[in-house]
Protein backbone atom coordinates (compact mmCIF):
# COMPACT_ATOMS: atom_id res chain seq x y z
CA MET A 1 61.46 -2.60 -1.94
CA ALA A 2 59.75 -1.07 1.10
CA SER A 3 56.71 -2.78 2.51
CA LEU A 4 53.81 -1.58 4.62
CA VAL A 5 53.50 -5.00 6.21
CA GLU A 6 54.40 -5.25 9.88
CA ASP A 7 54.56 -8.63 11.56
CA GLY A 8 52.58 -10.23 8.76
CA ALA A 9 49.79 -7.61 8.81
CA GLY A 10 49.31 -4.38 6.89
CA ILE A 11 50.10 -1.09 8.59
CA GLU A 12 47.15 0.42 10.45
CA THR A 13 45.59 3.56 9.02
CA THR A 14 46.36 5.61 12.13
CA ARG A 15 50.02 4.55 12.10
CA LEU A 16 50.35 5.34 8.40
CA GLY A 17 48.82 8.76 9.07
CA ARG A 18 51.39 9.43 11.81
CA VAL A 19 54.24 8.29 9.55
CA LEU A 20 53.07 10.62 6.77
CA LEU A 21 52.71 13.59 9.14
CA ARG A 22 56.24 12.99 10.42
CA PHE A 23 57.49 12.71 6.84
CA PHE A 24 55.90 16.05 5.91
CA ALA A 25 57.44 17.68 9.00
CA LEU A 26 60.92 16.33 8.21
CA VAL A 27 60.75 17.43 4.58
CA GLY A 28 59.50 20.84 5.69
CA GLU A 29 62.49 21.17 8.01
CA SER A 30 64.88 20.17 5.24
CA VAL A 31 63.64 22.85 2.81
CA GLU A 32 63.00 25.61 5.37
CA ASP A 33 66.08 27.70 4.54
CA GLU A 34 65.69 27.54 0.75
CA ARG A 35 61.88 27.49 0.43
CA PRO A 36 60.13 28.80 3.54
CA THR A 37 56.71 29.00 1.85
CA MET A 38 56.95 25.38 0.75
CA ALA A 39 58.10 24.38 4.23
CA ALA A 40 55.03 26.03 5.76
CA LYS A 41 52.74 24.17 3.35
CA LEU A 42 54.42 20.87 4.16
CA ARG A 43 53.97 21.44 7.89
CA ARG A 44 50.20 21.78 7.24
CA ALA A 45 50.06 18.77 4.90
CA SER A 46 48.07 15.67 5.76
CA PRO A 47 47.09 12.34 4.20
CA HIS A 48 43.84 14.01 3.10
CA TRP A 49 45.90 16.68 1.33
CA MET A 50 47.58 13.88 -0.65
CA ARG A 51 44.14 12.49 -1.55
CA HIS A 52 42.97 15.93 -2.72
CA THR A 53 46.17 16.47 -4.70
CA HIS A 54 45.84 13.08 -6.40
CA ALA A 55 42.22 13.74 -7.37
CA SER A 56 42.96 17.24 -8.64
CA HIS A 57 45.91 16.09 -10.76
CA ALA A 58 44.02 13.08 -12.12
CA LEU A 59 41.12 15.27 -13.23
CA ALA A 60 43.44 17.92 -14.66
CA ARG A 61 45.12 15.24 -16.77
CA GLY A 62 41.84 14.02 -18.21
CA ALA A 63 40.70 11.25 -15.88
CA GLU A 64 36.95 10.81 -15.95
CA LEU A 65 35.08 12.25 -13.00
CA ILE A 66 33.25 8.96 -12.46
CA MET A 67 36.55 7.02 -12.30
CA VAL A 68 37.98 9.46 -9.75
CA ARG A 69 34.73 9.27 -7.76
CA ASP A 70 34.98 5.48 -7.66
CA ASN A 71 38.67 5.55 -6.71
CA LEU A 72 37.94 7.94 -3.84
CA ARG A 73 34.91 5.85 -2.82
CA HIS A 74 32.60 8.87 -2.90
CA ALA A 75 28.87 8.11 -2.87
CA SER A 76 28.06 11.18 -4.93
CA ILE A 77 29.69 12.64 -8.00
CA SER A 78 28.94 16.11 -6.62
CA THR A 79 31.38 15.39 -3.78
CA THR A 80 34.09 14.49 -6.28
CA SER A 81 33.34 17.54 -8.41
CA THR A 82 34.76 19.73 -5.63
CA TYR A 83 38.18 18.64 -6.92
CA LEU A 84 37.52 20.22 -10.30
CA HIS A 85 38.90 23.66 -11.07
CA GLY A 86 37.65 26.45 -13.33
CA ASP A 87 37.02 25.24 -16.88
CA GLU A 88 36.85 21.64 -15.71
CA VAL A 89 33.70 22.42 -13.69
CA LYS A 90 32.07 23.97 -16.74
CA ARG A 91 33.13 21.02 -18.92
CA ALA A 92 31.80 18.46 -16.43
CA ARG A 93 28.44 20.24 -16.12
CA GLN A 94 28.09 20.49 -19.91
CA TYR A 95 28.96 16.81 -20.26
CA ASP A 96 26.40 15.83 -17.65
CA GLN A 97 23.73 17.96 -19.34
CA ALA A 98 24.54 16.70 -22.82
CA PHE A 99 24.66 13.02 -21.94
CA GLY A 100 22.36 12.88 -18.94
CA VAL A 101 24.96 11.25 -16.69
CA ALA A 102 23.17 9.99 -13.60
CA GLU A 103 24.70 9.74 -10.16
CA ARG A 104 24.93 6.34 -8.51
């Protein structure tokens, strides 16, 4: 199993970011001929893109907005709500109105 531990310490955030950017570039190169649009997206990808994708998918699959907020370490639920799409925004607003969910 791969480990992010180097010399007894965890990998630094900046190094992990560089590794991920290189990974996206290599994958983009490998799919360029078959999927040029995907390759272009991968060349623009970043660790923050992964964070956004995770939050969007979690919410789309029914994760609670508060749980996603806490996982992302957002101070405000309104920040996390930017990851909601279409009907999910309406549902979250109705839920908040119906149950008086307060921000922390």
